[in-house]
């Protein structure tokens, strides 16, 4: 497909960019949301399409008492750093002794011991995420000190163990990343195009009539990467003409 930069003003839906994964507009089967991103328009690049990944379907929690200290673990799917900070702000308890956390966003990750000895909380929690095989998730472990010190080894086992148990107890789902696409459509072909978009399960379909071209609207949507070529072929065939496709 030849590369052509459209002079039209494209209004794409927002999409996620996470380190090397670069999951453009990744939409989980369980419906978690996306974040913000940017980038220029390019031709389709199927070879660089992000791979599917597994994440939590919804928030999950578990609670354990270890030597009179209560450990409450809460895990949830996240889409970017902003949603991670939002999740932490929502679940952290200022009355607790420690609110430790870790998250993984593709190759991007962070963890925090929140006052526990260095490497005894956030790091084992992150290791639990990696061992679970999940991605785009965050775990917060809230500790209420019970008066008995656990030692560094005990803390590592406690934080890593409760984080692992929490993640194992959650329902997971497979995420198939979706690419944001824009196409120029003559008014008379909108019905035909919409029929194909629905058939290929395109999402976030929007129209922009302010294109500077008479009788033409810009339709933007998101579709799974592995359906892009088939969708383009189907639309061109149904419309009996070449429809320009643009991918951010």
C-alpha atoms as a PDB file:
ATOM      1  CA  UNK A   1       0.000   0.000   0.000  1.00  0.00           C
ATOM      2  CA  UNK A   2       1.515   3.348  -1.009  1.00  0.00           C
ATOM      3  CA  UNK A   3       2.238   5.902   1.679  1.00  0.00           C
ATOM      4  CA  UNK A   4       0.319   9.164   1.395  1.00  0.00           C
ATOM      5  CA  UNK A   5      -0.037  11.742   4.125  1.00  0.00           C
ATOM      6  CA  UNK A   6      -3.571  13.056   4.125  1.00  0.00           C
ATOM      7  CA  UNK A   7      -4.104  16.827   4.085  1.00  0.00           C
ATOM      8  CA  UNK A   8      -7.252  16.225   6.104  1.00  0.00           C
ATOM      9  CA  UNK A   9      -7.397  16.945   9.779  1.00  0.00           C
ATOM     10  CA  UNK A  10      -7.638  13.501  11.356  1.00  0.00           C
ATOM     11  CA  UNK A  11      -9.153  13.128  14.796  1.00  0.00           C
ATOM     12  CA  UNK A  12      -8.003   9.754  16.028  1.00  0.00           C
ATOM     13  CA  UNK A  13      -9.094   8.243  19.306  1.00  0.00           C
ATOM     14  CA  UNK A  14      -6.378   8.169  21.952  1.00  0.00           C
ATOM     15  CA  UNK A  15      -4.149   5.115  22.315  1.00  0.00           C
ATOM     16  CA  UNK A  16      -1.598   3.580  24.644  1.00  0.00           C
ATOM     17  CA  UNK A  17       2.170   3.654  24.225  1.00  0.00           C
ATOM     18  CA  UNK A  18       4.075   1.529  26.696  1.00  0.00           C
ATOM     19  CA  UNK A  19       7.815   1.129  26.215  1.00  0.00           C
ATOM     20  CA  UNK A  20       8.753  -1.406  23.541  1.00  0.00           C
ATOM     21  CA  UNK A  21       5.311  -2.992  23.499  1.00  0.00           C
ATOM     22  CA  UNK A  22       3.749   0.186  21.997  1.00  0.00           C
ATOM     23  CA  UNK A  23       0.267  -1.235  22.258  1.00  0.00           C
ATOM     24  CA  UNK A  24      -1.622   1.214  20.135  1.00  0.00           C
ATOM     25  CA  UNK A  25      -5.213   1.478  21.278  1.00  0.00           C
ATOM     26  CA  UNK A  26      -4.986  -1.868  23.027  1.00  0.00           C
ATOM     27  CA  UNK A  27      -8.465  -2.902  24.062  1.00  0.00           C
ATOM     28  CA  UNK A  28      -8.733  -5.849  26.441  1.00  0.00           C
ATOM     29  CA  UNK A  29     -11.454  -8.401  25.923  1.00  0.00           C
ATOM     30  CA  UNK A  30     -12.551  -7.409  29.395  1.00  0.00           C
ATOM     31  CA  UNK A  31     -12.919  -3.750  28.478  1.00  0.00           C
ATOM     32  CA  UNK A  32     -10.244  -1.815  30.389  1.00  0.00           C
ATOM     33  CA  UNK A  33      -9.590   1.661  29.095  1.00  0.00           C
ATOM     34  CA  UNK A  34      -6.693   3.338  27.276  1.00  0.00           C
ATOM     35  CA  UNK A  35      -4.496   6.352  27.886  1.00  0.00           C
ATOM     36  CA  UNK A  36      -3.002   9.126  25.830  1.00  0.00           C
ATOM     37  CA  UNK A  37      -0.423   9.007  23.077  1.00  0.00           C
ATOM     38  CA  UNK A  38       0.726  10.528  19.815  1.00  0.00           C
ATOM     39  CA  UNK A  39       2.526   9.940  16.578  1.00  0.00           C
ATOM     40  CA  UNK A  40       2.472  10.534  12.848  1.00  0.00           C
ATOM     41  CA  UNK A  41       0.539   8.735  10.141  1.00  0.00           C
ATOM     42  CA  UNK A  42       2.212   5.801   8.426  1.00  0.00           C
ATOM     43  CA  UNK A  43       1.299   2.965   6.131  1.00  0.00           C
ATOM     44  CA  UNK A  44       0.285  -0.333   7.701  1.00  0.00           C
ATOM     45  CA  UNK A  45       3.211  -2.140   9.311  1.00  0.00           C
ATOM     46  CA  UNK A  46       1.947  -5.585  10.208  1.00  0.00           C
ATOM     47  CA  UNK A  47       5.431  -6.830  11.055  1.00  0.00           C
ATOM     48  CA  UNK A  48       5.612  -4.328  13.945  1.00  0.00           C
ATOM     49  CA  UNK A  49       2.131  -5.018  15.265  1.00  0.00           C
ATOM     50  CA  UNK A  50       2.167  -5.509  19.056  1.00  0.00           C
ATOM     51  CA  UNK A  51       1.515  -9.000  20.348  1.00  0.00           C
ATOM     52  CA  UNK A  52      -1.522 -10.015  22.403  1.00  0.00           C
ATOM     53  CA  UNK A  53      -0.972 -10.203  26.150  1.00  0.00           C
ATOM     54  CA  UNK A  54      -2.802 -11.405  29.247  1.00  0.00           C
ATOM     55  CA  UNK A  55      -3.939  -9.118  32.037  1.00  0.00           C
ATOM     56  CA  UNK A  56      -6.432  -9.055  34.883  1.00  0.00           C
ATOM     57  CA  UNK A  57     -10.069  -8.752  33.922  1.00  0.00           C
ATOM     58  CA  UNK A  58     -10.967  -6.725  36.998  1.00  0.00           C
ATOM     59  CA  UNK A  59      -9.753  -5.674  40.413  1.00  0.00           C
ATOM     60  CA  UNK A  60      -8.933  -8.456  42.879  1.00  0.00           C
ATOM     61  CA  UNK A  61      -7.809  -8.465  46.510  1.00  0.00           C
ATOM     62  CA  UNK A  62      -6.746 -10.805  49.271  1.00  0.00           C
ATOM     63  CA  UNK A  63      -5.840 -10.396  52.932  1.00  0.00           C
ATOM     64  CA  UNK A  64      -3.411 -12.346  55.116  1.00  0.00           C
ATOM     65  CA  UNK A  65      -2.211 -12.036  58.705  1.00  0.00           C
ATOM     66  CA  UNK A  66       1.476 -12.778  59.218  1.00  0.00           C
ATOM     67  CA  UNK A  67       2.851 -12.580  62.756  1.00  0.00           C
ATOM     68  CA  UNK A  68       0.070 -10.196  63.815  1.00  0.00           C
ATOM     69  CA  UNK A  69       0.649  -7.826  60.861  1.00  0.00           C
ATOM     70  CA  UNK A  70      -2.237  -7.569  58.395  1.00  0.00           C
ATOM     71  CA  UNK A  71      -1.266  -7.549  54.709  1.00  0.00           C
ATOM     72  CA  UNK A  72      -3.967  -6.447  52.270  1.00  0.00           C
ATOM     73  CA  UNK A  73      -3.083  -6.893  48.587  1.00  0.00           C
ATOM     74  CA  UNK A  74      -5.111  -5.217  45.839  1.00  0.00           C
ATOM     75  CA  UNK A  75      -4.355  -5.721  42.132  1.00  0.00           C
ATOM     76  CA  UNK A  76      -5.967  -4.309  39.008  1.00  0.00           C
ATOM     77  CA  UNK A  77      -5.404  -3.849  35.261  1.00  0.00           C
ATOM     78  CA  UNK A  78      -3.867  -0.508  34.276  1.00  0.00           C
ATOM     79  CA  UNK A  79      -3.330   1.152  30.923  1.00  0.00           C
ATOM     80  CA  UNK A  80      -0.562   3.680  31.615  1.00  0.00           C
ATOM     81  CA  UNK A  81       1.321   5.532  34.354  1.00  0.00           C
ATOM     82  CA  UNK A  82      -1.559   7.906  34.927  1.00  0.00           C
ATOM     83  CA  UNK A  83      -3.993   5.092  35.647  1.00  0.00           C
ATOM     84  CA  UNK A  84      -1.384   3.487  37.933  1.00  0.00           C
ATOM     85  CA  UNK A  85      -1.114   6.646  40.026  1.00  0.00           C
ATOM     86  CA  UNK A  86      -4.897   6.978  40.059  1.00  0.00           C
ATOM     87  CA  UNK A  87      -5.286   3.383  41.283  1.00  0.00           C
ATOM     88  CA  UNK A  88      -2.686   3.914  44.021  1.00  0.00           C
ATOM     89  CA  UNK A  89      -4.401   7.106  45.200  1.00  0.00           C
ATOM     90  CA  UNK A  90      -7.713   5.278  45.346  1.00  0.00           C
ATOM     91  CA  UNK A  91      -6.663   2.209  47.336  1.00  0.00           C
ATOM     92  CA  UNK A  92      -3.827   3.432  49.588  1.00  0.00           C
ATOM     93  CA  UNK A  93      -4.690   3.792  53.259  1.00  0.00           C
ATOM     94  CA  UNK A  94      -2.994   6.737  55.020  1.00  0.00           C
ATOM     95  CA  UNK A  95      -3.709   5.014  58.340  1.00  0.00           C
ATOM     96  CA  UNK A  96      -1.608   1.971  57.363  1.00  0.00           C
ATOM     97  CA  UNK A  97       2.036   1.514  58.306  1.00  0.00           C
ATOM     98  CA  UNK A  98       3.111   0.999  54.679  1.00  0.00           C
ATOM     99  CA  UNK A  99       1.501   1.214  51.228  1.00  0.00           C
ATOM    100  CA  UNK A 100       3.948  -0.640  48.975  1.00  0.00           C
ATOM    101  CA  UNK A 101       3.378  -1.132  45.256  1.00  0.00           C
ATOM    102  CA  UNK A 102       4.678  -2.386  41.911  1.00  0.00           C
ATOM    103  CA  UNK A 103       3.416  -2.271  38.358  1.00  0.00           C
ATOM    104  CA  UNK A 104       4.358  -3.542  34.896  1.00  0.00           C
ATOM    105  CA  UNK A 105       3.531  -1.838  31.593  1.00  0.00           C
ATOM    106  CA  UNK A 106       5.278  -3.844  28.893  1.00  0.00           C
ATOM    107  CA  UNK A 107       8.988  -3.228  29.448  1.00  0.00           C
ATOM    108  CA  UNK A 108       8.227  -0.297  31.710  1.00  0.00           C
ATOM    109  CA  UNK A 109       7.978  -1.014  35.425  1.00  0.00           C
ATOM    110  CA  UNK A 110       8.266   0.661  38.805  1.00  0.00           C
ATOM    111  CA  UNK A 111       8.069  -0.377  42.430  1.00  0.00           C
ATOM    112  CA  UNK A 112       8.178   1.299  45.830  1.00  0.00           C
ATOM    113  CA  UNK A 113       8.994   0.016  49.319  1.00  0.00           C
ATOM    114  CA  UNK A 114       7.213   2.921  51.061  1.00  0.00           C
ATOM    115  CA  UNK A 115       9.477   2.910  54.101  1.00  0.00           C
ATOM    116  CA  UNK A 116      10.185  -0.808  54.353  1.00  0.00           C
ATOM    117  CA  UNK A 117      13.886  -1.805  54.099  1.00  0.00           C
ATOM    118  CA  UNK A 118      15.119  -1.371  50.537  1.00  0.00           C
ATOM    119  CA  UNK A 119      14.264  -4.280  48.255  1.00  0.00           C
ATOM    120  CA  UNK A 120      12.005  -6.078  50.727  1.00  0.00           C
ATOM    121  CA  UNK A 121       8.585  -5.040  49.360  1.00  0.00           C
ATOM    122  CA  UNK A 122       8.358  -3.454  45.910  1.00  0.00           C
ATOM    123  CA  UNK A 123      10.927  -5.726  44.281  1.00  0.00           C
ATOM    124  CA  UNK A 124       9.399  -9.063  45.381  1.00  0.00           C
ATOM    125  CA  UNK A 125       5.978  -7.699  44.395  1.00  0.00           C
ATOM    126  CA  UNK A 126       7.271  -6.910  40.909  1.00  0.00           C
ATOM    127  CA  UNK A 127       8.809 -10.395  40.729  1.00  0.00           C
ATOM    128  CA  UNK A 128       5.378 -11.811  41.568  1.00  0.00           C
ATOM    129  CA  UNK A 129       3.896  -9.915  38.608  1.00  0.00           C
ATOM    130  CA  UNK A 130       6.572 -11.246  36.258  1.00  0.00           C
ATOM    131  CA  UNK A 131       6.112 -14.806  37.536  1.00  0.00           C
ATOM    132  CA  UNK A 132       2.350 -14.571  37.011  1.00  0.00           C
ATOM    133  CA  UNK A 133       2.807 -13.969  33.271  1.00  0.00           C
ATOM    134  CA  UNK A 134       0.485 -10.959  33.442  1.00  0.00           C
ATOM    135  CA  UNK A 135       1.110  -7.533  31.929  1.00  0.00           C
ATOM    136  CA  UNK A 136      -0.404  -4.060  32.289  1.00  0.00           C
ATOM    137  CA  UNK A 137      -1.150  -4.672  35.974  1.00  0.00           C
ATOM    138  CA  UNK A 138      -0.442  -3.041  39.323  1.00  0.00           C
ATOM    139  CA  UNK A 139      -0.341  -4.513  42.820  1.00  0.00           C
ATOM    140  CA  UNK A 140      -0.588  -2.510  46.036  1.00  0.00           C
ATOM    141  CA  UNK A 141       0.114  -4.236  49.356  1.00  0.00           C
ATOM    142  CA  UNK A 142      -1.062  -2.361  52.440  1.00  0.00           C
ATOM    143  CA  UNK A 143       0.546  -3.381  55.733  1.00  0.00           C
ATOM    144  CA  UNK A 144      -0.825  -2.737  59.186  1.00  0.00           C
ATOM    145  CA  UNK A 145       2.036  -3.438  61.602  1.00  0.00           C
ATOM    146  CA  UNK A 146       1.140  -5.846  64.382  1.00  0.00           C
ATOM    147  CA  UNK A 147       4.131  -5.317  66.668  1.00  0.00           C
ATOM    148  CA  UNK A 148       6.373  -8.189  65.556  1.00  0.00           C
ATOM    149  CA  UNK A 149       9.262  -7.471  63.178  1.00  0.00           C
ATOM    150  CA  UNK A 150       9.621  -9.940  60.304  1.00  0.00           C
ATOM    151  CA  UNK A 151      13.222  -9.294  59.278  1.00  0.00           C
ATOM    152  CA  UNK A 152      14.296  -8.721  55.686  1.00  0.00           C
ATOM    153  CA  UNK A 153      13.730 -12.314  54.624  1.00  0.00           C
ATOM    154  CA  UNK A 154      10.333 -12.408  56.254  1.00  0.00           C
ATOM    155  CA  UNK A 155       9.291  -9.163  54.577  1.00  0.00           C
ATOM    156  CA  UNK A 156      10.346 -10.430  51.146  1.00  0.00           C
ATOM    157  CA  UNK A 157       8.323 -13.606  51.634  1.00  0.00           C
ATOM    158  CA  UNK A 158       5.341 -11.726  53.019  1.00  0.00           C
ATOM    159  CA  UNK A 159       5.082  -9.047  50.320  1.00  0.00           C
ATOM    160  CA  UNK A 160       5.995 -11.353  47.448  1.00  0.00           C
ATOM    161  CA  UNK A 161       3.738 -14.113  48.716  1.00  0.00           C
ATOM    162  CA  UNK A 162       0.607 -12.024  49.246  1.00  0.00           C
ATOM    163  CA  UNK A 163       1.106 -10.270  45.896  1.00  0.00           C
ATOM    164  CA  UNK A 164       1.466 -13.624  44.113  1.00  0.00           C
ATOM    165  CA  UNK A 165      -1.587 -15.057  45.861  1.00  0.00           C
ATOM    166  CA  UNK A 166      -3.644 -12.000  44.958  1.00  0.00           C
ATOM    167  CA  UNK A 167      -2.719 -12.205  41.258  1.00  0.00           C
ATOM    168  CA  UNK A 168      -3.421 -15.945  41.126  1.00  0.00           C
ATOM    169  CA  UNK A 169      -6.891 -15.343  42.518  1.00  0.00           C
ATOM    170  CA  UNK A 170      -7.877 -12.924  39.761  1.00  0.00           C
ATOM    171  CA  UNK A 171      -9.770 -13.622  36.556  1.00  0.00           C
ATOM    172  CA  UNK A 172      -7.640 -12.943  33.477  1.00  0.00           C
ATOM    173  CA  UNK A 173      -8.357 -12.098  29.853  1.00  0.00           C
ATOM    174  CA  UNK A 174      -6.447 -11.906  26.585  1.00  0.00           C
ATOM    175  CA  UNK A 175      -5.846  -8.444  25.142  1.00  0.00           C
ATOM    176  CA  UNK A 176      -5.662  -8.031  21.373  1.00  0.00           C
ATOM    177  CA  UNK A 177      -4.173  -4.602  20.598  1.00  0.00           C
ATOM    178  CA  UNK A 178      -6.157  -2.472  18.168  1.00  0.00           C
ATOM    179  CA  UNK A 179      -4.840   0.059  15.681  1.00  0.00           C
ATOM    180  CA  UNK A 180      -6.408   3.501  15.160  1.00  0.00           C
ATOM    181  CA  UNK A 181      -7.391   3.924  11.497  1.00  0.00           C
ATOM    182  CA  UNK A 182      -8.833   6.761   9.440  1.00  0.00           C
ATOM    183  CA  UNK A 183     -10.503   6.461   6.014  1.00  0.00           C
ATOM    184  CA  UNK A 184     -11.934   9.031   3.581  1.00  0.00           C
ATOM    185  CA  UNK A 185     -15.466   7.997   2.692  1.00  0.00           C
ATOM    186  CA  UNK A 186     -17.878   9.585   0.170  1.00  0.00           C
ATOM    187  CA  UNK A 187     -21.277  10.199   1.751  1.00  0.00           C
ATOM    188  CA  UNK A 188     -23.025   7.724  -0.527  1.00  0.00           C
ATOM    189  CA  UNK A 189     -20.744   4.893   0.631  1.00  0.00           C
ATOM    190  CA  UNK A 190     -21.106   5.422   4.388  1.00  0.00           C
ATOM    191  CA  UNK A 191     -23.700   2.648   4.748  1.00  0.00           C
ATOM    192  CA  UNK A 192     -21.515   0.165   2.895  1.00  0.00           C
ATOM    193  CA  UNK A 193     -18.444   1.076   4.951  1.00  0.00           C
ATOM    194  CA  UNK A 194     -20.316   0.869   8.257  1.00  0.00           C
ATOM    195  CA  UNK A 195     -21.583  -2.589   7.378  1.00  0.00           C
ATOM    196  CA  UNK A 196     -17.994  -3.803   6.938  1.00  0.00           C
ATOM    197  CA  UNK A 197     -16.780  -2.047  10.092  1.00  0.00           C
ATOM    198  CA  UNK A 198     -19.455  -3.791  12.120  1.00  0.00           C
ATOM    199  CA  UNK A 199     -18.653  -7.125  10.495  1.00  0.00           C
ATOM    200  CA  UNK A 200     -14.979  -6.777  11.497  1.00  0.00           C
ATOM    201  CA  UNK A 201     -15.930  -5.599  15.000  1.00  0.00           C
ATOM    202  CA  UNK A 202     -14.365  -2.152  14.717  1.00  0.00           C
ATOM    203  CA  UNK A 203     -14.695   0.045  17.801  1.00  0.00           C
ATOM    204  CA  UNK A 204     -14.876   3.765  18.631  1.00  0.00           C
ATOM    205  CA  UNK A 205     -16.280   4.672  15.216  1.00  0.00           C
ATOM    206  CA  UNK A 206     -16.462   8.441  14.710  1.00  0.00           C
ATOM    207  CA  UNK A 207     -17.130  10.789  11.796  1.00  0.00           C
ATOM    208  CA  UNK A 208     -15.570  14.163  10.968  1.00  0.00           C
ATOM    209  CA  UNK A 209     -17.326  16.120   8.218  1.00  0.00           C
ATOM    210  CA  UNK A 210     -14.911  19.048   8.443  1.00  0.00           C
ATOM    211  CA  UNK A 211     -12.555  17.595   5.825  1.00  0.00           C
ATOM    212  CA  UNK A 212     -12.322  20.411   3.307  1.00  0.00           C
ATOM    213  CA  UNK A 213     -13.686  18.094   0.631  1.00  0.00           C
ATOM    214  CA  UNK A 214     -17.254  18.224  -0.639  1.00  0.00           C
ATOM    215  CA  UNK A 215     -19.225  15.041  -0.096  1.00  0.00           C
ATOM    216  CA  UNK A 216     -16.434  13.325   1.877  1.00  0.00           C
ATOM    217  CA  UNK A 217     -16.200  12.502   5.580  1.00  0.00           C
ATOM    218  CA  UNK A 218     -13.311  11.117   7.601  1.00  0.00           C
ATOM    219  CA  UNK A 219     -14.321   7.991   9.525  1.00  0.00           C
ATOM    220  CA  UNK A 220     -11.987   6.971  12.354  1.00  0.00           C
ATOM    221  CA  UNK A 221     -12.108   3.689  14.265  1.00  0.00           C
ATOM    222  CA  UNK A 222     -10.009   0.986  15.940  1.00  0.00           C
ATOM    223  CA  UNK A 223      -9.634  -2.572  14.720  1.00  0.00           C
ATOM    224  CA  UNK A 224      -7.457  -5.542  15.652  1.00  0.00           C
ATOM    225  CA  UNK A 225      -4.130  -5.550  13.852  1.00  0.00           C
ATOM    226  CA  UNK A 226      -4.644  -8.993  12.357  1.00  0.00           C
ATOM    227  CA  UNK A 227      -7.922  -7.836  10.766  1.00  0.00           C
ATOM    228  CA  UNK A 228      -6.564  -4.690   9.098  1.00  0.00           C
ATOM    229  CA  UNK A 229      -5.694  -6.129   5.702  1.00  0.00           C
ATOM    230  CA  UNK A 230      -8.884  -8.154   5.416  1.00  0.00           C
ATOM    231  CA  UNK A 231     -10.989  -5.142   6.384  1.00  0.00           C
ATOM    232  CA  UNK A 232      -9.310  -2.927   3.775  1.00  0.00           C
ATOM    233  CA  UNK A 233      -9.808  -5.547   1.081  1.00  0.00           C
ATOM    234  CA  UNK A 234     -13.457  -6.017   2.091  1.00  0.00           C
ATOM    235  CA  UNK A 235     -14.205  -2.279   2.034  1.00  0.00           C
ATOM    236  CA  UNK A 236     -12.501  -1.753  -1.320  1.00  0.00           C
ATOM    237  CA  UNK A 237     -14.393  -4.703  -2.782  1.00  0.00           C
ATOM    238  CA  UNK A 238     -17.767  -3.648  -1.375  1.00  0.00           C
ATOM    239  CA  UNK A 239     -17.299  -0.047  -2.523  1.00  0.00           C
ATOM    240  CA  UNK A 240     -15.873  -1.061  -5.934  1.00  0.00           C
ATOM    241  CA  UNK A 241     -13.168   1.565  -5.568  1.00  0.00           C
ATOM    242  CA  UNK A 242      -9.960   2.319  -3.677  1.00  0.00           C
ATOM    243  CA  UNK A 243     -10.618   3.815  -0.244  1.00  0.00           C
ATOM    244  CA  UNK A 244      -7.654   5.573   1.380  1.00  0.00           C
ATOM    245  CA  UNK A 245      -6.602   4.082   4.732  1.00  0.00           C
ATOM    246  CA  UNK A 246      -4.426   5.987   7.243  1.00  0.00           C
ATOM    247  CA  UNK A 247      -2.861   4.498  10.365  1.00  0.00           C
ATOM    248  CA  UNK A 248      -1.371   6.467  13.231  1.00  0.00           C
END
